N, C-alpha and C. Protein backbone atom coordinates (compact mmCIF):
# COMPACT_ATOMS: atom_id res chain seq x y z
N MET A 1 90.51 -56.18 26.63
CA MET A 1 89.25 -55.81 27.25
C MET A 1 89.55 -55.24 28.63
N ASN A 2 88.78 -54.27 29.03
CA ASN A 2 88.95 -53.60 30.30
C ASN A 2 88.19 -54.35 31.39
N ASP A 3 88.87 -54.81 32.47
CA ASP A 3 88.23 -55.56 33.56
C ASP A 3 87.66 -54.66 34.65
N ILE A 4 87.68 -53.38 34.46
CA ILE A 4 87.16 -52.46 35.47
C ILE A 4 85.68 -52.21 35.18
N ALA A 5 84.83 -52.47 36.21
CA ALA A 5 83.39 -52.29 36.05
C ALA A 5 83.03 -50.84 36.32
N PRO A 6 81.96 -50.37 35.69
CA PRO A 6 81.51 -49.00 35.98
C PRO A 6 81.12 -48.89 37.46
N ILE A 7 81.16 -47.70 37.99
CA ILE A 7 80.81 -47.47 39.39
C ILE A 7 79.37 -47.91 39.61
N GLY A 8 79.15 -48.66 40.73
CA GLY A 8 77.81 -49.12 41.06
C GLY A 8 77.46 -50.47 40.47
N ARG A 9 78.28 -51.00 39.60
CA ARG A 9 78.02 -52.32 39.01
C ARG A 9 79.27 -53.17 39.17
N PRO A 10 79.25 -54.08 40.13
CA PRO A 10 80.45 -54.91 40.34
C PRO A 10 80.70 -55.84 39.16
N ASN A 11 81.93 -56.10 38.88
CA ASN A 11 82.33 -56.99 37.79
C ASN A 11 82.79 -58.30 38.42
N TYR A 12 81.84 -59.21 38.65
CA TYR A 12 82.17 -60.47 39.29
C TYR A 12 83.03 -61.36 38.41
N SER A 13 82.92 -61.22 37.12
CA SER A 13 83.72 -62.07 36.25
C SER A 13 85.20 -61.75 36.38
N ALA A 14 85.51 -60.55 36.83
CA ALA A 14 86.90 -60.17 36.98
C ALA A 14 87.56 -60.94 38.13
N ILE A 15 86.77 -61.46 39.07
CA ILE A 15 87.34 -62.22 40.18
C ILE A 15 87.00 -63.70 40.07
N GLY A 16 86.48 -64.13 38.94
CA GLY A 16 86.25 -65.54 38.70
C GLY A 16 84.88 -66.04 39.12
N GLY A 17 83.96 -65.16 39.53
CA GLY A 17 82.63 -65.58 39.94
C GLY A 17 81.71 -65.71 38.75
N SER A 18 80.52 -66.16 39.02
CA SER A 18 79.52 -66.32 37.98
C SER A 18 78.31 -65.49 38.34
N THR A 19 77.75 -64.79 37.36
CA THR A 19 76.55 -64.00 37.61
C THR A 19 75.33 -64.64 36.96
N ARG A 20 75.48 -65.82 36.38
CA ARG A 20 74.35 -66.48 35.72
C ARG A 20 73.37 -66.99 36.77
N ARG A 21 72.09 -66.78 36.50
CA ARG A 21 71.07 -67.35 37.39
C ARG A 21 70.99 -68.84 37.13
N GLY A 22 70.80 -69.60 38.20
CA GLY A 22 70.68 -71.04 38.06
C GLY A 22 72.01 -71.73 37.88
N ALA A 23 73.10 -71.02 38.07
CA ALA A 23 74.41 -71.64 37.93
C ALA A 23 74.61 -72.66 39.04
N SER A 24 75.28 -73.75 38.73
CA SER A 24 75.50 -74.79 39.74
C SER A 24 76.47 -74.27 40.80
N PRO A 25 76.30 -74.75 42.05
CA PRO A 25 77.19 -74.28 43.12
C PRO A 25 78.61 -74.74 42.89
N VAL A 26 79.53 -73.98 43.40
CA VAL A 26 80.95 -74.28 43.25
C VAL A 26 81.31 -75.40 44.22
N THR A 27 81.97 -76.43 43.75
CA THR A 27 82.41 -77.53 44.60
C THR A 27 83.78 -77.19 45.17
N PRO A 28 83.96 -77.37 46.48
CA PRO A 28 85.27 -77.08 47.05
C PRO A 28 86.35 -77.93 46.40
N VAL A 29 87.54 -77.38 46.28
CA VAL A 29 88.65 -78.04 45.59
C VAL A 29 89.04 -79.33 46.30
N ASN A 30 89.02 -79.34 47.65
CA ASN A 30 89.48 -80.52 48.38
C ASN A 30 88.39 -81.58 48.53
N GLY A 31 87.21 -81.38 47.96
CA GLY A 31 86.14 -82.36 47.99
C GLY A 31 85.32 -82.33 49.27
N ALA A 32 85.56 -81.38 50.14
CA ALA A 32 84.82 -81.28 51.40
C ALA A 32 83.38 -80.87 51.13
N GLN A 33 82.48 -81.34 51.95
CA GLN A 33 81.08 -80.98 51.83
C GLN A 33 80.86 -79.61 52.45
N ARG A 34 79.93 -78.87 51.88
CA ARG A 34 79.57 -77.57 52.45
C ARG A 34 78.71 -77.80 53.68
N GLY A 35 78.87 -76.96 54.69
CA GLY A 35 78.05 -77.05 55.89
C GLY A 35 76.63 -76.64 55.60
N SER A 36 75.72 -77.09 56.43
CA SER A 36 74.32 -76.73 56.23
C SER A 36 74.02 -75.43 56.96
N ASP A 37 73.02 -74.72 56.46
CA ASP A 37 72.60 -73.48 57.10
C ASP A 37 71.76 -73.80 58.32
N GLU A 38 71.73 -72.89 59.26
CA GLU A 38 70.96 -73.09 60.49
C GLU A 38 70.24 -71.80 60.83
N VAL A 39 68.99 -71.93 61.25
CA VAL A 39 68.19 -70.77 61.64
C VAL A 39 67.89 -70.91 63.12
N GLN A 40 68.09 -69.82 63.87
CA GLN A 40 67.77 -69.82 65.29
C GLN A 40 66.80 -68.68 65.55
N PHE A 41 65.74 -68.97 66.32
CA PHE A 41 64.75 -67.97 66.65
C PHE A 41 64.97 -67.50 68.08
N SER A 42 64.84 -66.22 68.30
CA SER A 42 65.00 -65.68 69.65
C SER A 42 63.78 -66.02 70.49
N ASP A 43 63.93 -65.88 71.81
CA ASP A 43 62.80 -66.12 72.71
C ASP A 43 61.66 -65.17 72.38
N THR A 44 61.97 -63.95 72.01
CA THR A 44 60.95 -62.97 71.66
C THR A 44 60.18 -63.42 70.43
N ALA A 45 60.87 -63.94 69.43
CA ALA A 45 60.21 -64.42 68.22
C ALA A 45 59.30 -65.60 68.53
N ARG A 46 59.76 -66.49 69.41
CA ARG A 46 58.91 -67.63 69.78
C ARG A 46 57.66 -67.15 70.50
N LEU A 47 57.81 -66.18 71.41
CA LEU A 47 56.66 -65.65 72.14
C LEU A 47 55.67 -64.98 71.20
N LEU A 48 56.18 -64.19 70.27
CA LEU A 48 55.29 -63.53 69.30
C LEU A 48 54.55 -64.55 68.45
N SER A 49 55.22 -65.63 68.10
CA SER A 49 54.57 -66.68 67.33
C SER A 49 53.43 -67.31 68.12
N LYS A 50 53.65 -67.56 69.41
CA LYS A 50 52.59 -68.13 70.25
C LYS A 50 51.43 -67.14 70.42
N LEU A 51 51.75 -65.85 70.52
CA LEU A 51 50.69 -64.86 70.66
C LEU A 51 49.79 -64.81 69.43
N ARG A 52 50.38 -65.02 68.25
CA ARG A 52 49.59 -65.02 67.02
C ARG A 52 48.63 -66.20 66.97
N GLU A 53 48.95 -67.28 67.70
CA GLU A 53 48.10 -68.47 67.70
C GLU A 53 46.92 -68.35 68.66
N LEU A 54 46.94 -67.35 69.54
CA LEU A 54 45.85 -67.18 70.49
C LEU A 54 44.57 -66.78 69.75
N PRO A 55 43.42 -67.19 70.29
CA PRO A 55 42.16 -66.81 69.64
C PRO A 55 41.92 -65.30 69.75
N ASP A 56 41.09 -64.80 68.87
CA ASP A 56 40.76 -63.38 68.89
C ASP A 56 40.06 -63.02 70.19
N ILE A 57 40.18 -61.78 70.59
CA ILE A 57 39.53 -61.28 71.79
C ILE A 57 38.02 -61.23 71.55
N ARG A 58 37.28 -61.71 72.52
CA ARG A 58 35.82 -61.66 72.44
C ARG A 58 35.36 -60.42 73.18
N GLN A 59 35.32 -59.32 72.47
CA GLN A 59 35.01 -58.02 73.05
C GLN A 59 33.64 -58.02 73.74
N ASP A 60 32.68 -58.79 73.22
CA ASP A 60 31.36 -58.82 73.84
C ASP A 60 31.44 -59.37 75.27
N LYS A 61 32.27 -60.40 75.49
CA LYS A 61 32.44 -60.95 76.84
C LYS A 61 33.13 -59.94 77.76
N ILE A 62 34.13 -59.27 77.26
CA ILE A 62 34.84 -58.26 78.04
C ILE A 62 33.87 -57.16 78.45
N ASP A 63 33.05 -56.72 77.51
CA ASP A 63 32.08 -55.67 77.82
C ASP A 63 31.07 -56.12 78.87
N GLN A 64 30.64 -57.39 78.80
CA GLN A 64 29.69 -57.92 79.78
C GLN A 64 30.30 -57.92 81.19
N VAL A 65 31.53 -58.38 81.29
CA VAL A 65 32.19 -58.43 82.59
C VAL A 65 32.42 -57.02 83.13
N ARG A 66 32.86 -56.12 82.27
CA ARG A 66 33.06 -54.73 82.72
C ARG A 66 31.76 -54.12 83.23
N GLN A 67 30.67 -54.39 82.52
CA GLN A 67 29.38 -53.85 82.93
C GLN A 67 28.95 -54.45 84.28
N ALA A 68 29.16 -55.77 84.45
CA ALA A 68 28.81 -56.42 85.72
C ALA A 68 29.65 -55.88 86.87
N ILE A 69 30.92 -55.60 86.62
CA ILE A 69 31.77 -55.01 87.65
C ILE A 69 31.25 -53.62 88.00
N ASP A 70 30.94 -52.82 86.98
CA ASP A 70 30.42 -51.47 87.21
C ASP A 70 29.10 -51.50 87.98
N ASP A 71 28.25 -52.50 87.68
CA ASP A 71 26.95 -52.61 88.34
C ASP A 71 27.06 -53.20 89.75
N GLY A 72 28.21 -53.79 90.06
CA GLY A 72 28.39 -54.43 91.36
C GLY A 72 27.81 -55.83 91.43
N THR A 73 27.51 -56.41 90.28
CA THR A 73 26.91 -57.75 90.25
C THR A 73 27.90 -58.84 89.83
N TYR A 74 29.12 -58.50 89.61
CA TYR A 74 30.10 -59.50 89.13
C TYR A 74 30.51 -60.45 90.24
N ASP A 75 30.81 -59.93 91.42
CA ASP A 75 31.28 -60.77 92.51
C ASP A 75 30.10 -61.34 93.29
N THR A 76 29.65 -62.51 92.87
CA THR A 76 28.59 -63.20 93.60
C THR A 76 29.24 -64.23 94.52
N ASP A 77 28.50 -64.70 95.51
CA ASP A 77 29.03 -65.70 96.43
C ASP A 77 29.42 -66.97 95.69
N GLU A 78 28.66 -67.34 94.68
CA GLU A 78 28.97 -68.55 93.91
C GLU A 78 30.29 -68.40 93.16
N LYS A 79 30.49 -67.25 92.58
CA LYS A 79 31.74 -67.01 91.83
C LYS A 79 32.94 -66.99 92.77
N VAL A 80 32.79 -66.38 93.93
CA VAL A 80 33.88 -66.34 94.90
C VAL A 80 34.19 -67.76 95.37
N ASP A 81 33.16 -68.56 95.67
CA ASP A 81 33.37 -69.94 96.09
C ASP A 81 34.07 -70.76 95.01
N ALA A 82 33.65 -70.59 93.77
CA ALA A 82 34.27 -71.32 92.65
C ALA A 82 35.73 -70.90 92.49
N MET A 83 36.00 -69.62 92.64
CA MET A 83 37.38 -69.13 92.52
C MET A 83 38.24 -69.69 93.65
N LEU A 84 37.70 -69.70 94.87
CA LEU A 84 38.46 -70.24 96.00
C LEU A 84 38.70 -71.74 95.85
N ASP A 85 37.70 -72.48 95.35
CA ASP A 85 37.88 -73.91 95.11
C ASP A 85 38.98 -74.15 94.08
N ALA A 86 38.97 -73.37 93.01
CA ALA A 86 39.99 -73.53 91.97
C ALA A 86 41.37 -73.17 92.52
N LEU A 87 41.44 -72.14 93.34
CA LEU A 87 42.71 -71.73 93.94
C LEU A 87 43.24 -72.83 94.86
N MET A 88 42.37 -73.41 95.65
CA MET A 88 42.78 -74.47 96.57
C MET A 88 43.28 -75.71 95.80
N GLU A 89 42.66 -76.02 94.68
CA GLU A 89 43.11 -77.14 93.87
C GLU A 89 44.49 -76.86 93.29
N ASP A 90 44.73 -75.63 92.89
CA ASP A 90 46.04 -75.27 92.35
C ASP A 90 47.13 -75.36 93.41
N ILE A 91 46.80 -74.97 94.63
CA ILE A 91 47.79 -74.97 95.71
C ILE A 91 48.10 -76.40 96.15
N ALA A 92 47.08 -77.25 96.17
CA ALA A 92 47.26 -78.62 96.69
C ALA A 92 48.04 -79.50 95.78
């Protein structure tokens, strides 16, 4: 029998491998255990995952604030005082 596989189709049986689906894993000859696989995520992947967890943008609120800024009614004394109080709490 010819052990040479046609081009584009590797002949794994020629090197002692198995192509059967569901074949049991090969046990190392010296009885050593196989190492476990490990997955590491980059900082970018972690950040993207957190971004996906954020709630959807509430466009209606954004439009309201933009309109109030355009009208000149967004910056009221109460809002400025509340912002300054919150800033002071953060600093303290």
